[in-house]
């Protein structure tokens, strides 16, 4: 297990926390992380583009002009894709499905791998939760900037639903909050720095390893 310092809101190191090897000492597997991240990105994809084919546009029914004798090309419907206002050929439709399933073991393993890699690179910091329920954004921003990360783009991992921290972080453009039980590979990869409460480690173990042991 690796010991890592825990900071208070004044930026002072108050104690250390032992990181469990089952979470933070896993060997790197870039292929697994890439596979899980790609699938999760596809599952989050919103299908917005939609075009109408010739069966969806209005019009048609009556032949534009008679088949022969006009000198013009033959046409059977003004809904044809070659007509202005007609249907679109092979255009994107909203019924496309990009979501893919992924094994739960793979998803959890990839998450732990990302956490382990961030710990090895020194990109995880532990900050004690404020004692008061309400935290002013100015005070919270000062505490974040006193950490060695110096206010870099960060993901704040909470052990529980702490409304005070969530509201204080909402006005900080460089910070996003998430509960430990909701951690996922994509959000961890989006933020170079991860700030956690010490209690969130136990939540991660219970959620993704099925135990609370620190051995």
C-alpha atoms as a PDB file:
ATOM      1  CA  UNK A   1       0.000   0.000   0.000  1.00  0.00           C
ATOM      2  CA  UNK A   2       1.096   3.544  -0.754  1.00  0.00           C
ATOM      3  CA  UNK A   3       0.840   6.410   1.718  1.00  0.00           C
ATOM      4  CA  UNK A   4      -0.375   9.723   0.360  1.00  0.00           C
ATOM      5  CA  UNK A   5      -0.875  13.008   2.249  1.00  0.00           C
ATOM      6  CA  UNK A   6      -4.270  14.419   3.171  1.00  0.00           C
ATOM      7  CA  UNK A   7      -4.663  18.210   3.072  1.00  0.00           C
ATOM      8  CA  UNK A   8      -7.045  20.453   4.945  1.00  0.00           C
ATOM      9  CA  UNK A   9      -8.782  23.558   3.603  1.00  0.00           C
ATOM     10  CA  UNK A  10      -5.745  25.656   4.536  1.00  0.00           C
ATOM     11  CA  UNK A  11      -3.534  23.614   2.244  1.00  0.00           C
ATOM     12  CA  UNK A  12      -1.642  21.995   5.132  1.00  0.00           C
ATOM     13  CA  UNK A  13      -0.788  18.320   5.291  1.00  0.00           C
ATOM     14  CA  UNK A  14      -2.621  16.977   8.339  1.00  0.00           C
ATOM     15  CA  UNK A  15      -2.146  13.214   7.968  1.00  0.00           C
ATOM     16  CA  UNK A  16      -1.542  10.443   5.467  1.00  0.00           C
ATOM     17  CA  UNK A  17      -3.799   7.791   4.028  1.00  0.00           C
ATOM     18  CA  UNK A  18      -2.823   4.300   2.906  1.00  0.00           C
ATOM     19  CA  UNK A  19      -3.971   3.516  -0.618  1.00  0.00           C
ATOM     20  CA  UNK A  20      -5.111  -0.109  -0.992  1.00  0.00           C
ATOM     21  CA  UNK A  21      -3.043  -2.109  -3.471  1.00  0.00           C
ATOM     22  CA  UNK A  22      -6.164  -3.731  -4.891  1.00  0.00           C
ATOM     23  CA  UNK A  23      -7.186  -0.363  -6.335  1.00  0.00           C
ATOM     24  CA  UNK A  24      -4.108   1.780  -6.809  1.00  0.00           C
ATOM     25  CA  UNK A  25      -1.308  -0.702  -7.643  1.00  0.00           C
ATOM     26  CA  UNK A  26      -2.747  -2.411 -10.714  1.00  0.00           C
ATOM     27  CA  UNK A  27      -0.496  -2.717 -13.803  1.00  0.00           C
ATOM     28  CA  UNK A  28      -1.363  -0.580 -16.805  1.00  0.00           C
ATOM     29  CA  UNK A  29      -3.550  -2.010 -19.591  1.00  0.00           C
ATOM     30  CA  UNK A  30      -4.061   0.709 -22.197  1.00  0.00           C
ATOM     31  CA  UNK A  31      -6.003  -1.570 -24.561  1.00  0.00           C
ATOM     32  CA  UNK A  32      -8.687  -2.323 -21.973  1.00  0.00           C
ATOM     33  CA  UNK A  33      -9.024   1.337 -21.009  1.00  0.00           C
ATOM     34  CA  UNK A  34      -9.346   2.356 -24.667  1.00  0.00           C
ATOM     35  CA  UNK A  35     -11.968  -0.316 -25.343  1.00  0.00           C
ATOM     36  CA  UNK A  36     -14.102   0.660 -22.353  1.00  0.00           C
ATOM     37  CA  UNK A  37     -13.768   4.396 -23.067  1.00  0.00           C
ATOM     38  CA  UNK A  38     -14.810   3.902 -26.711  1.00  0.00           C
ATOM     39  CA  UNK A  39     -17.911   1.922 -25.721  1.00  0.00           C
ATOM     40  CA  UNK A  40     -18.920   4.397 -23.026  1.00  0.00           C
ATOM     41  CA  UNK A  41     -18.490   7.270 -25.465  1.00  0.00           C
ATOM     42  CA  UNK A  42     -20.726   5.471 -27.968  1.00  0.00           C
ATOM     43  CA  UNK A  43     -23.348   4.852 -25.274  1.00  0.00           C
ATOM     44  CA  UNK A  44     -23.430   8.556 -24.462  1.00  0.00           C
ATOM     45  CA  UNK A  45     -23.799   9.562 -28.098  1.00  0.00           C
ATOM     46  CA  UNK A  46     -26.999  11.413 -28.884  1.00  0.00           C
ATOM     47  CA  UNK A  47     -28.538  10.790 -32.280  1.00  0.00           C
ATOM     48  CA  UNK A  48     -29.663  14.220 -33.467  1.00  0.00           C
ATOM     49  CA  UNK A  49     -29.230  14.273 -37.261  1.00  0.00           C
ATOM     50  CA  UNK A  50     -32.353  13.097 -39.053  1.00  0.00           C
ATOM     51  CA  UNK A  51     -33.429  13.396 -42.657  1.00  0.00           C
ATOM     52  CA  UNK A  52     -36.695  12.470 -44.373  1.00  0.00           C
ATOM     53  CA  UNK A  53     -36.763   9.957 -47.189  1.00  0.00           C
ATOM     54  CA  UNK A  54     -39.300  10.096 -50.017  1.00  0.00           C
ATOM     55  CA  UNK A  55     -41.880   8.340 -47.875  1.00  0.00           C
ATOM     56  CA  UNK A  56     -41.728  11.013 -45.163  1.00  0.00           C
ATOM     57  CA  UNK A  57     -41.915  14.265 -47.141  1.00  0.00           C
ATOM     58  CA  UNK A  58     -45.231  15.856 -48.088  1.00  0.00           C
ATOM     59  CA  UNK A  59     -46.524  15.866 -51.634  1.00  0.00           C
ATOM     60  CA  UNK A  60     -46.710  13.175 -54.242  1.00  0.00           C
ATOM     61  CA  UNK A  61     -49.817  11.226 -55.047  1.00  0.00           C
ATOM     62  CA  UNK A  62     -50.415  12.807 -58.430  1.00  0.00           C
ATOM     63  CA  UNK A  63     -48.035  12.429 -61.308  1.00  0.00           C
ATOM     64  CA  UNK A  64     -46.481  15.882 -62.020  1.00  0.00           C
ATOM     65  CA  UNK A  65     -47.283  15.653 -65.756  1.00  0.00           C
ATOM     66  CA  UNK A  66     -48.258  13.063 -68.247  1.00  0.00           C
ATOM     67  CA  UNK A  67     -45.750  10.444 -69.259  1.00  0.00           C
ATOM     68  CA  UNK A  68     -45.317  11.380 -72.920  1.00  0.00           C
ATOM     69  CA  UNK A  69     -45.691  14.299 -75.224  1.00  0.00           C
ATOM     70  CA  UNK A  70     -44.461  17.148 -73.003  1.00  0.00           C
ATOM     71  CA  UNK A  71     -40.831  17.076 -74.069  1.00  0.00           C
ATOM     72  CA  UNK A  72     -39.825  16.857 -70.462  1.00  0.00           C
ATOM     73  CA  UNK A  73     -38.258  13.954 -68.579  1.00  0.00           C
ATOM     74  CA  UNK A  74     -40.576  11.356 -67.089  1.00  0.00           C
ATOM     75  CA  UNK A  75     -41.429  11.799 -63.410  1.00  0.00           C
ATOM     76  CA  UNK A  76     -43.794   9.871 -61.202  1.00  0.00           C
ATOM     77  CA  UNK A  77     -43.696  11.948 -58.010  1.00  0.00           C
ATOM     78  CA  UNK A  78     -42.402  15.271 -56.744  1.00  0.00           C
ATOM     79  CA  UNK A  79     -41.180  13.443 -53.640  1.00  0.00           C
ATOM     80  CA  UNK A  80     -38.325  11.980 -55.650  1.00  0.00           C
ATOM     81  CA  UNK A  81     -34.845  12.732 -54.213  1.00  0.00           C
ATOM     82  CA  UNK A  82     -33.865  14.561 -57.411  1.00  0.00           C
ATOM     83  CA  UNK A  83     -36.621  17.128 -56.867  1.00  0.00           C
ATOM     84  CA  UNK A  84     -36.231  20.219 -54.706  1.00  0.00           C
ATOM     85  CA  UNK A  85     -38.085  19.473 -51.478  1.00  0.00           C
ATOM     86  CA  UNK A  86     -38.039  15.762 -52.169  1.00  0.00           C
ATOM     87  CA  UNK A  87     -36.739  13.025 -49.942  1.00  0.00           C
ATOM     88  CA  UNK A  88     -33.081  12.488 -49.076  1.00  0.00           C
ATOM     89  CA  UNK A  89     -31.297   9.389 -50.297  1.00  0.00           C
ATOM     90  CA  UNK A  90     -29.297   7.457 -47.676  1.00  0.00           C
ATOM     91  CA  UNK A  91     -29.398  10.366 -45.219  1.00  0.00           C
ATOM     92  CA  UNK A  92     -28.881   9.985 -41.447  1.00  0.00           C
ATOM     93  CA  UNK A  93     -31.952   9.038 -39.419  1.00  0.00           C
ATOM     94  CA  UNK A  94     -32.751   9.208 -35.720  1.00  0.00           C
ATOM     95  CA  UNK A  95     -33.388   5.488 -35.456  1.00  0.00           C
ATOM     96  CA  UNK A  96     -29.651   4.722 -35.596  1.00  0.00           C
ATOM     97  CA  UNK A  97     -28.312   2.897 -32.551  1.00  0.00           C
ATOM     98  CA  UNK A  98     -24.688   3.360 -31.462  1.00  0.00           C
ATOM     99  CA  UNK A  99     -24.916   1.901 -27.956  1.00  0.00           C
ATOM    100  CA  UNK A 100     -22.953  -1.241 -27.173  1.00  0.00           C
ATOM    101  CA  UNK A 101     -22.877  -3.511 -24.172  1.00  0.00           C
ATOM    102  CA  UNK A 102     -19.791  -4.118 -22.077  1.00  0.00           C
ATOM    103  CA  UNK A 103     -18.908  -6.695 -19.474  1.00  0.00           C
ATOM    104  CA  UNK A 104     -19.227  -5.292 -15.937  1.00  0.00           C
ATOM    105  CA  UNK A 105     -15.889  -6.816 -14.910  1.00  0.00           C
ATOM    106  CA  UNK A 106     -14.148  -5.085 -17.794  1.00  0.00           C
ATOM    107  CA  UNK A 107     -15.797  -1.756 -16.976  1.00  0.00           C
ATOM    108  CA  UNK A 108     -14.794  -1.936 -13.315  1.00  0.00           C
ATOM    109  CA  UNK A 109     -11.269  -3.142 -14.093  1.00  0.00           C
ATOM    110  CA  UNK A 110     -10.701  -0.264 -16.536  1.00  0.00           C
ATOM    111  CA  UNK A 111     -11.882   2.231 -13.922  1.00  0.00           C
ATOM    112  CA  UNK A 112      -9.421   0.891 -11.350  1.00  0.00           C
ATOM    113  CA  UNK A 113      -6.631   0.930 -13.929  1.00  0.00           C
ATOM    114  CA  UNK A 114      -7.184   4.638 -14.616  1.00  0.00           C
ATOM    115  CA  UNK A 115      -7.172   5.399 -10.885  1.00  0.00           C
ATOM    116  CA  UNK A 116      -3.958   3.413 -10.426  1.00  0.00           C
ATOM    117  CA  UNK A 117      -2.240   5.221 -13.286  1.00  0.00           C
ATOM    118  CA  UNK A 118      -3.248   8.630 -11.940  1.00  0.00           C
ATOM    119  CA  UNK A 119      -1.909   7.649  -8.512  1.00  0.00           C
ATOM    120  CA  UNK A 120       1.428   6.581 -10.039  1.00  0.00           C
ATOM    121  CA  UNK A 121       1.717   9.909 -11.837  1.00  0.00           C
ATOM    122  CA  UNK A 122       0.918  11.857  -8.676  1.00  0.00           C
ATOM    123  CA  UNK A 123      -2.336  13.252 -10.060  1.00  0.00           C
ATOM    124  CA  UNK A 124      -4.573  12.224  -7.144  1.00  0.00           C
ATOM    125  CA  UNK A 125      -4.871  14.473  -4.096  1.00  0.00           C
ATOM    126  CA  UNK A 126      -6.852  14.016  -0.914  1.00  0.00           C
ATOM    127  CA  UNK A 127      -8.716  16.882   0.691  1.00  0.00           C
ATOM    128  CA  UNK A 128     -10.660  16.727   3.926  1.00  0.00           C
ATOM    129  CA  UNK A 129     -14.327  17.583   3.686  1.00  0.00           C
ATOM    130  CA  UNK A 130     -15.265  20.925   5.270  1.00  0.00           C
ATOM    131  CA  UNK A 131     -16.935  20.625   8.663  1.00  0.00           C
ATOM    132  CA  UNK A 132     -19.675  23.132   7.872  1.00  0.00           C
ATOM    133  CA  UNK A 133     -22.617  22.206   5.657  1.00  0.00           C
ATOM    134  CA  UNK A 134     -22.427  25.376   3.578  1.00  0.00           C
ATOM    135  CA  UNK A 135     -19.188  26.311   1.849  1.00  0.00           C
ATOM    136  CA  UNK A 136     -18.606  29.622   0.123  1.00  0.00           C
ATOM    137  CA  UNK A 137     -17.271  29.357  -3.394  1.00  0.00           C
ATOM    138  CA  UNK A 138     -14.467  31.807  -2.610  1.00  0.00           C
ATOM    139  CA  UNK A 139     -13.266  29.725   0.346  1.00  0.00           C
ATOM    140  CA  UNK A 140     -13.550  26.499  -1.602  1.00  0.00           C
ATOM    141  CA  UNK A 141     -11.631  27.917  -4.581  1.00  0.00           C
ATOM    142  CA  UNK A 142      -8.892  29.094  -2.220  1.00  0.00           C
ATOM    143  CA  UNK A 143      -8.596  25.599  -0.723  1.00  0.00           C
ATOM    144  CA  UNK A 144      -8.368  23.997  -4.162  1.00  0.00           C
ATOM    145  CA  UNK A 145      -5.688  26.437  -5.300  1.00  0.00           C
ATOM    146  CA  UNK A 146      -3.611  25.708  -2.187  1.00  0.00           C
ATOM    147  CA  UNK A 147      -3.238  22.064  -3.229  1.00  0.00           C
ATOM    148  CA  UNK A 148      -0.139  21.023  -5.214  1.00  0.00           C
ATOM    149  CA  UNK A 149      -2.372  20.778  -8.291  1.00  0.00           C
ATOM    150  CA  UNK A 150      -2.705  24.608  -8.194  1.00  0.00           C
ATOM    151  CA  UNK A 151      -6.241  24.843  -9.504  1.00  0.00           C
ATOM    152  CA  UNK A 152      -5.826  22.664 -12.598  1.00  0.00           C
ATOM    153  CA  UNK A 153      -8.884  21.149 -14.249  1.00  0.00           C
ATOM    154  CA  UNK A 154     -10.063  18.703 -11.602  1.00  0.00           C
ATOM    155  CA  UNK A 155     -12.655  16.060 -10.809  1.00  0.00           C
ATOM    156  CA  UNK A 156     -13.815  16.195  -7.179  1.00  0.00           C
ATOM    157  CA  UNK A 157     -14.768  12.726  -5.934  1.00  0.00           C
ATOM    158  CA  UNK A 158     -17.156  12.758  -2.965  1.00  0.00           C
ATOM    159  CA  UNK A 159     -17.886   9.857  -0.640  1.00  0.00           C
ATOM    160  CA  UNK A 160     -21.519  10.984  -0.332  1.00  0.00           C
ATOM    161  CA  UNK A 161     -23.938  13.623  -1.604  1.00  0.00           C
ATOM    162  CA  UNK A 162     -22.327  16.739  -0.116  1.00  0.00           C
ATOM    163  CA  UNK A 163     -24.544  19.575  -1.274  1.00  0.00           C
ATOM    164  CA  UNK A 164     -22.257  22.234   0.175  1.00  0.00           C
ATOM    165  CA  UNK A 165     -19.249  21.145  -1.920  1.00  0.00           C
ATOM    166  CA  UNK A 166     -21.412  20.580  -5.003  1.00  0.00           C
ATOM    167  CA  UNK A 167     -22.823  24.110  -4.859  1.00  0.00           C
ATOM    168  CA  UNK A 168     -19.414  25.643  -4.122  1.00  0.00           C
ATOM    169  CA  UNK A 169     -17.839  23.797  -7.080  1.00  0.00           C
ATOM    170  CA  UNK A 170     -20.639  24.681  -9.466  1.00  0.00           C
ATOM    171  CA  UNK A 171     -19.248  28.169 -10.036  1.00  0.00           C
ATOM    172  CA  UNK A 172     -15.706  26.929 -10.704  1.00  0.00           C
ATOM    173  CA  UNK A 173     -15.189  26.363 -14.420  1.00  0.00           C
ATOM    174  CA  UNK A 174     -12.229  24.053 -13.811  1.00  0.00           C
ATOM    175  CA  UNK A 175     -13.967  21.677 -11.394  1.00  0.00           C
ATOM    176  CA  UNK A 176     -16.644  19.007 -11.636  1.00  0.00           C
ATOM    177  CA  UNK A 177     -18.035  16.912  -8.777  1.00  0.00           C
ATOM    178  CA  UNK A 178     -19.047  13.262  -8.774  1.00  0.00           C
ATOM    179  CA  UNK A 179     -19.868  10.697  -6.126  1.00  0.00           C
ATOM    180  CA  UNK A 180     -17.393   7.840  -5.726  1.00  0.00           C
ATOM    181  CA  UNK A 181     -20.071   5.251  -6.478  1.00  0.00           C
ATOM    182  CA  UNK A 182     -20.731   6.916  -9.854  1.00  0.00           C
ATOM    183  CA  UNK A 183     -17.114   7.017 -11.054  1.00  0.00           C
ATOM    184  CA  UNK A 184     -16.516   6.022 -14.658  1.00  0.00           C
ATOM    185  CA  UNK A 185     -13.617   5.823 -17.069  1.00  0.00           C
ATOM    186  CA  UNK A 186     -14.669   8.716 -19.321  1.00  0.00           C
ATOM    187  CA  UNK A 187     -14.957  11.291 -16.538  1.00  0.00           C
ATOM    188  CA  UNK A 188     -11.624  10.206 -15.056  1.00  0.00           C
ATOM    189  CA  UNK A 189      -9.926  10.578 -18.432  1.00  0.00           C
ATOM    190  CA  UNK A 190     -11.461  14.008 -19.038  1.00  0.00           C
ATOM    191  CA  UNK A 191      -9.828  15.519 -15.967  1.00  0.00           C
ATOM    192  CA  UNK A 192      -6.045  15.435 -15.471  1.00  0.00           C
ATOM    193  CA  UNK A 193      -6.366  15.928 -11.700  1.00  0.00           C
ATOM    194  CA  UNK A 194      -8.519  13.927  -9.287  1.00  0.00           C
ATOM    195  CA  UNK A 195      -9.271  15.318  -5.828  1.00  0.00           C
ATOM    196  CA  UNK A 196     -10.860  12.904  -3.383  1.00  0.00           C
ATOM    197  CA  UNK A 197     -12.120  12.868   0.171  1.00  0.00           C
ATOM    198  CA  UNK A 198     -10.349  10.192   2.265  1.00  0.00           C
ATOM    199  CA  UNK A 199     -13.658   8.424   2.881  1.00  0.00           C
ATOM    200  CA  UNK A 200     -14.247   7.974  -0.850  1.00  0.00           C
ATOM    201  CA  UNK A 201     -11.564   5.257  -1.002  1.00  0.00           C
ATOM    202  CA  UNK A 202     -13.720   2.923   1.078  1.00  0.00           C
ATOM    203  CA  UNK A 203     -16.731   3.692  -1.113  1.00  0.00           C
ATOM    204  CA  UNK A 204     -14.698   2.800  -4.219  1.00  0.00           C
ATOM    205  CA  UNK A 205     -13.664  -0.494  -2.647  1.00  0.00           C
ATOM    206  CA  UNK A 206     -17.219  -1.398  -1.673  1.00  0.00           C
ATOM    207  CA  UNK A 207     -18.643  -0.405  -5.048  1.00  0.00           C
ATOM    208  CA  UNK A 208     -16.042  -1.750  -7.464  1.00  0.00           C
ATOM    209  CA  UNK A 209     -14.335  -4.494  -5.466  1.00  0.00           C
ATOM    210  CA  UNK A 210     -17.217  -5.621  -3.270  1.00  0.00           C
ATOM    211  CA  UNK A 211     -15.313  -5.138  -0.004  1.00  0.00           C
ATOM    212  CA  UNK A 212     -14.177  -2.424   2.401  1.00  0.00           C
ATOM    213  CA  UNK A 213     -10.876  -3.953   3.439  1.00  0.00           C
ATOM    214  CA  UNK A 214      -7.790  -1.791   3.057  1.00  0.00           C
ATOM    215  CA  UNK A 215      -5.396  -4.743   2.933  1.00  0.00           C
END
